[in-house]
Amino acid sequence: MPADPATEESARPRGTLATRTLAMPADANPNGDIFGGWVLSQMDIAGGITAGARARGRVATVAVDAMVFHRPVYVGDVLCTYADIIRIGRTSIAIHIEAWALRGSFSDTLPHAHVKVTQGTFTLVAIDDNGRPRPVPPEE
């Protein structure tokens, strides 16, 4: 069920901006709704960027949990992903990722909106050059 618009207006993304990309017609079904798999892939990219920076090297996604789609993404929306590291294990990093859509950002006539469209928890593992798990280095 969609969030209450009054609550959504005051809501802010959780985490740090990881990516921004424009939803294009090739990413949509015939009705103009962006495929959920495309949104998921953008979130996975955000997780890889965030975990790779923290692990200072290669990472691989091993799990996607608690994925919830709140609103559709449309052609022309700018999809922004925000990442927040929630747990660091010996070799793994769990990241809460939210995707927000900027709507009407290229229009002078449409009101601009920033709405949360989905969120989920991604777990990535630090890997070595042979693709085997390696310890996540301590924070500097």
N, C-alpha and C. Protein backbone atom coordinates (compact mmCIF):
# COMPACT_ATOMS: atom_id res chain seq x y z
N MET A 1 0.84 -1.18 0.00
CA MET A 1 0.00 0.00 0.00
C MET A 1 0.89 1.24 0.00
N PRO A 2 0.62 2.23 -0.85
CA PRO A 2 1.45 3.43 -0.91
C PRO A 2 1.43 4.19 0.41
N ALA A 3 2.53 4.85 0.67
CA ALA A 3 2.64 5.66 1.88
C ALA A 3 1.74 6.87 1.78
N ASP A 4 1.39 7.41 2.94
CA ASP A 4 0.59 8.62 3.00
C ASP A 4 1.40 9.76 2.40
N PRO A 5 0.85 10.48 1.38
CA PRO A 5 1.61 11.55 0.73
C PRO A 5 2.09 12.62 1.70
N ALA A 6 1.31 12.93 2.74
CA ALA A 6 1.74 13.94 3.71
C ALA A 6 2.99 13.48 4.44
N THR A 7 3.05 12.20 4.79
CA THR A 7 4.22 11.64 5.45
C THR A 7 5.40 11.58 4.50
N GLU A 8 5.12 11.20 3.25
CA GLU A 8 6.17 11.05 2.24
C GLU A 8 6.87 12.38 1.97
N GLU A 9 6.13 13.48 1.98
CA GLU A 9 6.71 14.79 1.72
C GLU A 9 7.81 15.14 2.71
N SER A 10 7.62 14.75 3.98
CA SER A 10 8.61 15.12 5.00
C SER A 10 9.69 14.05 5.14
N ALA A 11 9.50 12.91 4.49
CA ALA A 11 10.49 11.83 4.60
C ALA A 11 11.76 12.19 3.85
N ARG A 12 12.86 11.66 4.34
CA ARG A 12 14.15 11.87 3.70
C ARG A 12 14.79 10.51 3.46
N PRO A 13 15.60 10.42 2.42
CA PRO A 13 16.28 9.15 2.16
C PRO A 13 17.23 8.79 3.31
N ARG A 14 17.33 7.50 3.55
CA ARG A 14 18.24 6.99 4.57
C ARG A 14 19.55 6.61 3.87
N GLY A 15 20.65 7.10 4.38
CA GLY A 15 21.95 6.76 3.82
C GLY A 15 22.51 7.85 2.94
N THR A 16 23.54 7.46 2.19
CA THR A 16 24.29 8.37 1.34
C THR A 16 23.94 8.09 -0.12
N LEU A 17 23.83 9.14 -0.91
CA LEU A 17 23.55 8.98 -2.34
C LEU A 17 24.66 8.14 -2.97
N ALA A 18 24.26 7.05 -3.62
CA ALA A 18 25.24 6.15 -4.25
C ALA A 18 25.21 6.26 -5.77
N THR A 19 24.00 6.36 -6.37
CA THR A 19 23.88 6.48 -7.83
C THR A 19 22.68 7.33 -8.20
N ARG A 20 22.74 7.85 -9.41
CA ARG A 20 21.59 8.53 -10.04
C ARG A 20 21.58 8.12 -11.50
N THR A 21 20.41 7.72 -11.99
CA THR A 21 20.32 7.33 -13.40
C THR A 21 18.91 7.62 -13.92
N LEU A 22 18.83 7.87 -15.20
CA LEU A 22 17.56 8.21 -15.84
C LEU A 22 16.87 6.96 -16.34
N ALA A 23 15.60 6.78 -15.97
CA ALA A 23 14.81 5.65 -16.45
C ALA A 23 14.38 5.93 -17.90
N MET A 24 14.77 5.04 -18.79
CA MET A 24 14.56 5.22 -20.22
C MET A 24 13.48 4.28 -20.77
N PRO A 25 12.95 4.57 -21.95
CA PRO A 25 11.90 3.71 -22.54
C PRO A 25 12.31 2.25 -22.69
N ALA A 26 13.56 1.97 -22.97
CA ALA A 26 14.01 0.58 -23.13
C ALA A 26 13.91 -0.21 -21.82
N ASP A 27 13.77 0.49 -20.68
CA ASP A 27 13.70 -0.15 -19.36
C ASP A 27 12.26 -0.38 -18.90
N ALA A 28 11.29 -0.09 -19.78
CA ALA A 28 9.88 -0.09 -19.39
C ALA A 28 9.05 -1.13 -20.14
N ASN A 29 7.91 -1.45 -19.53
CA ASN A 29 6.92 -2.28 -20.21
C ASN A 29 6.08 -1.38 -21.12
N PRO A 30 5.15 -1.93 -21.90
CA PRO A 30 4.37 -1.09 -22.82
C PRO A 30 3.53 0.00 -22.15
N ASN A 31 3.26 -0.12 -20.85
CA ASN A 31 2.50 0.90 -20.13
C ASN A 31 3.36 2.05 -19.63
N GLY A 32 4.68 1.94 -19.80
CA GLY A 32 5.58 2.99 -19.34
C GLY A 32 6.08 2.80 -17.93
N ASP A 33 5.76 1.67 -17.30
CA ASP A 33 6.28 1.37 -15.96
C ASP A 33 7.63 0.69 -16.11
N ILE A 34 8.59 1.12 -15.33
CA ILE A 34 9.93 0.54 -15.38
C ILE A 34 9.90 -0.84 -14.73
N PHE A 35 10.58 -1.80 -15.36
CA PHE A 35 10.64 -3.16 -14.84
C PHE A 35 11.29 -3.18 -13.45
N GLY A 36 10.72 -3.97 -12.54
CA GLY A 36 11.28 -4.12 -11.20
C GLY A 36 12.70 -4.65 -11.23
N GLY A 37 13.00 -5.52 -12.19
CA GLY A 37 14.35 -6.06 -12.31
C GLY A 37 15.38 -5.00 -12.62
N TRP A 38 14.98 -3.99 -13.40
CA TRP A 38 15.88 -2.88 -13.71
C TRP A 38 16.18 -2.09 -12.44
N VAL A 39 15.13 -1.83 -11.65
CA VAL A 39 15.31 -1.10 -10.40
C VAL A 39 16.22 -1.90 -9.47
N LEU A 40 15.96 -3.21 -9.37
CA LEU A 40 16.79 -4.08 -8.54
C LEU A 40 18.25 -4.03 -8.97
N SER A 41 18.49 -4.03 -10.28
CA SER A 41 19.89 -3.99 -10.76
C SER A 41 20.56 -2.67 -10.39
N GLN A 42 19.82 -1.56 -10.43
CA GLN A 42 20.39 -0.27 -10.03
C GLN A 42 20.75 -0.28 -8.55
N MET A 43 19.90 -0.92 -7.74
CA MET A 43 20.18 -1.02 -6.31
C MET A 43 21.40 -1.91 -6.06
N ASP A 44 21.53 -2.97 -6.85
CA ASP A 44 22.69 -3.86 -6.71
C ASP A 44 23.98 -3.12 -7.07
N ILE A 45 23.92 -2.28 -8.09
CA ILE A 45 25.08 -1.46 -8.45
C ILE A 45 25.46 -0.55 -7.29
N ALA A 46 24.45 0.08 -6.68
CA ALA A 46 24.70 0.96 -5.53
C ALA A 46 25.34 0.18 -4.38
N GLY A 47 24.85 -1.04 -4.14
CA GLY A 47 25.43 -1.87 -3.09
C GLY A 47 26.87 -2.24 -3.40
N GLY A 48 27.14 -2.55 -4.66
CA GLY A 48 28.50 -2.90 -5.07
C GLY A 48 29.47 -1.74 -4.91
N ILE A 49 29.03 -0.55 -5.27
CA ILE A 49 29.88 0.64 -5.13
C ILE A 49 30.18 0.90 -3.65
N THR A 50 29.13 0.84 -2.84
CA THR A 50 29.28 1.14 -1.41
C THR A 50 30.13 0.08 -0.70
N ALA A 51 29.81 -1.19 -0.93
CA ALA A 51 30.57 -2.27 -0.28
C ALA A 51 32.00 -2.34 -0.79
N GLY A 52 32.19 -2.11 -2.10
CA GLY A 52 33.53 -2.14 -2.67
C GLY A 52 34.43 -1.07 -2.07
N ALA A 53 33.85 0.11 -1.84
CA ALA A 53 34.64 1.19 -1.22
C ALA A 53 35.00 0.83 0.21
N ARG A 54 34.02 0.28 0.97
CA ARG A 54 34.29 -0.07 2.37
C ARG A 54 35.26 -1.26 2.48
N ALA A 55 35.12 -2.24 1.57
CA ALA A 55 35.98 -3.42 1.60
C ALA A 55 37.31 -3.18 0.92
N ARG A 56 37.43 -2.02 0.26
CA ARG A 56 38.65 -1.66 -0.48
C ARG A 56 39.04 -2.77 -1.47
N GLY A 57 38.06 -3.17 -2.27
CA GLY A 57 38.34 -4.18 -3.29
C GLY A 57 37.08 -4.84 -3.79
N ARG A 58 37.29 -5.97 -4.44
CA ARG A 58 36.19 -6.73 -5.06
C ARG A 58 35.17 -7.21 -4.04
N VAL A 59 33.90 -7.17 -4.47
CA VAL A 59 32.81 -7.72 -3.66
C VAL A 59 31.84 -8.43 -4.59
N ALA A 60 31.04 -9.31 -4.00
CA ALA A 60 30.00 -10.01 -4.75
C ALA A 60 28.73 -10.04 -3.92
N THR A 61 27.59 -9.82 -4.57
CA THR A 61 26.30 -9.88 -3.89
C THR A 61 25.97 -11.34 -3.60
N VAL A 62 25.59 -11.63 -2.36
CA VAL A 62 25.23 -13.00 -2.00
C VAL A 62 23.77 -13.13 -1.56
N ALA A 63 23.13 -12.00 -1.22
CA ALA A 63 21.73 -12.08 -0.79
C ALA A 63 21.04 -10.73 -0.96
N VAL A 64 19.77 -10.81 -1.26
CA VAL A 64 18.89 -9.64 -1.27
C VAL A 64 17.70 -10.02 -0.40
N ASP A 65 17.51 -9.30 0.69
CA ASP A 65 16.44 -9.61 1.64
C ASP A 65 15.48 -8.44 1.78
N ALA A 66 14.28 -8.75 2.18
CA ALA A 66 13.29 -7.74 2.57
C ALA A 66 13.06 -6.69 1.48
N MET A 67 13.01 -7.12 0.24
CA MET A 67 12.77 -6.19 -0.86
C MET A 67 11.30 -5.79 -0.86
N VAL A 68 11.02 -4.49 -0.83
CA VAL A 68 9.65 -4.00 -0.81
C VAL A 68 9.51 -2.90 -1.86
N PHE A 69 8.55 -3.09 -2.79
CA PHE A 69 8.27 -2.06 -3.79
C PHE A 69 7.09 -1.24 -3.30
N HIS A 70 7.28 0.08 -3.17
CA HIS A 70 6.24 0.98 -2.67
C HIS A 70 5.47 1.66 -3.80
N ARG A 71 6.19 2.10 -4.81
CA ARG A 71 5.59 2.87 -5.91
C ARG A 71 6.27 2.48 -7.22
N PRO A 72 5.59 2.69 -8.34
CA PRO A 72 6.23 2.41 -9.63
C PRO A 72 7.25 3.48 -9.99
N VAL A 73 8.14 3.13 -10.90
CA VAL A 73 9.09 4.07 -11.50
C VAL A 73 8.65 4.23 -12.94
N TYR A 74 8.67 5.46 -13.44
CA TYR A 74 8.19 5.75 -14.79
C TYR A 74 9.34 6.21 -15.69
N VAL A 75 9.13 6.07 -16.98
CA VAL A 75 10.07 6.61 -17.96
C VAL A 75 10.21 8.11 -17.67
N GLY A 76 11.45 8.57 -17.63
CA GLY A 76 11.71 9.98 -17.36
C GLY A 76 12.04 10.28 -15.91
N ASP A 77 11.74 9.34 -15.01
CA ASP A 77 12.13 9.54 -13.61
C ASP A 77 13.65 9.43 -13.50
N VAL A 78 14.23 10.19 -12.60
CA VAL A 78 15.64 10.01 -12.26
C VAL A 78 15.65 9.14 -11.01
N LEU A 79 16.20 7.94 -11.13
CA LEU A 79 16.24 7.01 -10.00
C LEU A 79 17.51 7.28 -9.20
N CYS A 80 17.32 7.59 -7.92
CA CYS A 80 18.43 7.86 -7.01
C CYS A 80 18.47 6.73 -5.99
N THR A 81 19.65 6.16 -5.78
CA THR A 81 19.80 5.11 -4.78
C THR A 81 20.64 5.63 -3.62
N TYR A 82 20.22 5.26 -2.43
CA TYR A 82 20.88 5.67 -1.20
C TYR A 82 21.29 4.42 -0.43
N ALA A 83 22.50 4.39 0.08
CA ALA A 83 23.02 3.20 0.75
C ALA A 83 23.46 3.54 2.17
N ASP A 84 23.14 2.62 3.09
CA ASP A 84 23.48 2.78 4.49
C ASP A 84 24.00 1.43 4.99
N ILE A 85 25.29 1.35 5.32
CA ILE A 85 25.87 0.11 5.83
C ILE A 85 25.28 -0.14 7.22
N ILE A 86 24.68 -1.33 7.37
CA ILE A 86 24.03 -1.65 8.65
C ILE A 86 24.78 -2.70 9.46
N ARG A 87 25.63 -3.49 8.80
CA ARG A 87 26.39 -4.49 9.53
C ARG A 87 27.63 -4.88 8.74
N ILE A 88 28.72 -5.05 9.47
CA ILE A 88 29.95 -5.55 8.85
C ILE A 88 30.37 -6.80 9.62
N GLY A 89 30.44 -7.90 8.90
CA GLY A 89 30.90 -9.16 9.49
C GLY A 89 32.37 -9.37 9.16
N ARG A 90 32.84 -10.58 9.34
CA ARG A 90 34.24 -10.88 9.03
C ARG A 90 34.53 -10.70 7.55
N THR A 91 33.65 -11.25 6.69
CA THR A 91 33.84 -11.14 5.23
C THR A 91 32.67 -10.45 4.54
N SER A 92 31.58 -10.18 5.27
CA SER A 92 30.37 -9.65 4.63
C SER A 92 30.02 -8.24 5.08
N ILE A 93 29.24 -7.59 4.24
CA ILE A 93 28.74 -6.25 4.52
C ILE A 93 27.26 -6.24 4.16
N ALA A 94 26.40 -5.87 5.12
CA ALA A 94 24.96 -5.75 4.88
C ALA A 94 24.65 -4.27 4.70
N ILE A 95 23.88 -3.96 3.66
CA ILE A 95 23.59 -2.58 3.32
C ILE A 95 22.09 -2.40 3.11
N HIS A 96 21.52 -1.41 3.78
CA HIS A 96 20.13 -1.02 3.52
C HIS A 96 20.18 -0.07 2.32
N ILE A 97 19.41 -0.38 1.29
CA ILE A 97 19.40 0.45 0.08
C ILE A 97 17.98 0.91 -0.20
N GLU A 98 17.84 2.20 -0.43
CA GLU A 98 16.55 2.78 -0.83
C GLU A 98 16.70 3.36 -2.22
N ALA A 99 15.62 3.24 -3.00
CA ALA A 99 15.57 3.88 -4.32
C ALA A 99 14.45 4.92 -4.27
N TRP A 100 14.79 6.12 -4.69
CA TRP A 100 13.84 7.24 -4.72
C TRP A 100 13.77 7.75 -6.15
N ALA A 101 12.59 8.17 -6.56
CA ALA A 101 12.40 8.71 -7.91
C ALA A 101 12.24 10.22 -7.83
N LEU A 102 13.01 10.91 -8.65
CA LEU A 102 12.81 12.35 -8.86
C LEU A 102 11.87 12.46 -10.05
N ARG A 103 10.69 12.98 -9.83
CA ARG A 103 9.69 13.09 -10.90
C ARG A 103 9.55 14.54 -11.31
N GLY A 104 9.41 14.74 -12.62
CA GLY A 104 9.22 16.10 -13.13
C GLY A 104 10.47 16.94 -13.07
N SER A 105 11.64 16.31 -12.92
CA SER A 105 12.88 17.08 -12.74
C SER A 105 13.32 17.77 -14.02
N PHE A 106 12.79 17.36 -15.18
CA PHE A 106 13.17 17.99 -16.44
C PHE A 106 12.05 18.84 -17.00
N SER A 107 11.05 19.13 -16.18
CA SER A 107 9.87 19.85 -16.65
C SER A 107 9.70 21.15 -15.89
N ASP A 108 9.33 22.19 -16.61
CA ASP A 108 9.02 23.46 -15.97
C ASP A 108 7.55 23.52 -15.58
N THR A 109 6.73 22.60 -16.12
CA THR A 109 5.29 22.64 -15.87
C THR A 109 4.83 21.63 -14.82
N LEU A 110 5.56 20.52 -14.67
CA LEU A 110 5.18 19.52 -13.68
C LEU A 110 5.81 19.83 -12.33
N PRO A 111 5.09 19.55 -11.25
CA PRO A 111 5.71 19.75 -9.93
C PRO A 111 6.79 18.69 -9.71
N HIS A 112 7.84 19.09 -9.04
CA HIS A 112 8.92 18.16 -8.74
C HIS A 112 8.52 17.34 -7.52
N ALA A 113 8.78 16.05 -7.58
CA ALA A 113 8.50 15.16 -6.45
C ALA A 113 9.69 14.24 -6.23
N HIS A 114 9.91 13.88 -4.99
CA HIS A 114 10.98 12.95 -4.61
C HIS A 114 10.29 11.88 -3.77
N VAL A 115 10.03 10.70 -4.36
CA VAL A 115 9.27 9.67 -3.67
C VAL A 115 10.07 8.38 -3.55
N LYS A 116 9.93 7.73 -2.37
CA LYS A 116 10.59 6.44 -2.18
C LYS A 116 9.82 5.40 -2.97
N VAL A 117 10.53 4.66 -3.83
CA VAL A 117 9.87 3.66 -4.66
C VAL A 117 10.14 2.24 -4.19
N THR A 118 11.29 2.00 -3.57
CA THR A 118 11.59 0.66 -3.08
C THR A 118 12.73 0.72 -2.08
N GLN A 119 12.87 -0.38 -1.35
CA GLN A 119 13.97 -0.51 -0.40
C GLN A 119 14.25 -1.99 -0.19
N GLY A 120 15.44 -2.28 0.28
CA GLY A 120 15.81 -3.67 0.56
C GLY A 120 17.14 -3.73 1.27
N THR A 121 17.47 -4.92 1.74
CA THR A 121 18.75 -5.16 2.39
C THR A 121 19.57 -6.09 1.50
N PHE A 122 20.76 -5.65 1.15
CA PHE A 122 21.67 -6.40 0.29
C PHE A 122 22.87 -6.82 1.11
N THR A 123 23.31 -8.07 0.95
CA THR A 123 24.51 -8.55 1.62
C THR A 123 25.55 -8.87 0.56
N LEU A 124 26.72 -8.30 0.72
CA LEU A 124 27.82 -8.52 -0.21
C LEU A 124 29.01 -9.08 0.56
N VAL A 125 29.81 -9.87 -0.12
CA VAL A 125 30.98 -10.49 0.49
C VAL A 125 32.23 -9.96 -0.21
N ALA A 126 33.23 -9.61 0.59
CA ALA A 126 34.53 -9.21 0.05
C ALA A 126 35.20 -10.46 -0.50
N ILE A 127 35.75 -10.35 -1.72
CA ILE A 127 36.40 -11.51 -2.33
C ILE A 127 37.80 -11.13 -2.81
N ASP A 128 38.66 -12.16 -2.89
CA ASP A 128 40.03 -11.94 -3.36
C ASP A 128 40.09 -12.13 -4.87
N ASP A 129 41.28 -12.10 -5.42
CA ASP A 129 41.46 -12.22 -6.87
C ASP A 129 41.03 -13.58 -7.42
N ASN A 130 40.90 -14.57 -6.54
CA ASN A 130 40.46 -15.90 -6.95
C ASN A 130 38.96 -16.11 -6.72
N GLY A 131 38.27 -15.05 -6.28
CA GLY A 131 36.84 -15.15 -6.04
C GLY A 131 36.46 -15.80 -4.72
N ARG A 132 37.42 -15.91 -3.82
CA ARG A 132 37.16 -16.51 -2.51
C ARG A 132 36.97 -15.42 -1.46
N PRO A 133 36.12 -15.68 -0.46
CA PRO A 133 35.90 -14.67 0.58
C PRO A 133 37.20 -14.27 1.26
N ARG A 134 37.28 -12.99 1.56
CA ARG A 134 38.44 -12.46 2.29
C ARG A 134 37.91 -11.54 3.39
N PRO A 135 38.69 -11.31 4.42
CA PRO A 135 38.23 -10.43 5.50
C PRO A 135 38.03 -9.00 5.02
N VAL A 136 37.00 -8.35 5.57
CA VAL A 136 36.78 -6.92 5.34
C VAL A 136 37.81 -6.21 6.21
N PRO A 137 38.62 -5.33 5.61
CA PRO A 137 39.63 -4.64 6.42
C PRO A 137 38.98 -3.70 7.45
N PRO A 138 39.68 -3.45 8.54
CA PRO A 138 39.15 -2.51 9.53
C PRO A 138 39.03 -1.12 8.93
N GLU A 139 38.13 -0.33 9.52
CA GLU A 139 37.96 1.06 9.05
C GLU A 139 39.22 1.84 9.34
N GLU A 140 39.52 2.77 8.44
CA GLU A 140 40.71 3.62 8.65
C GLU A 140 40.35 4.82 9.46
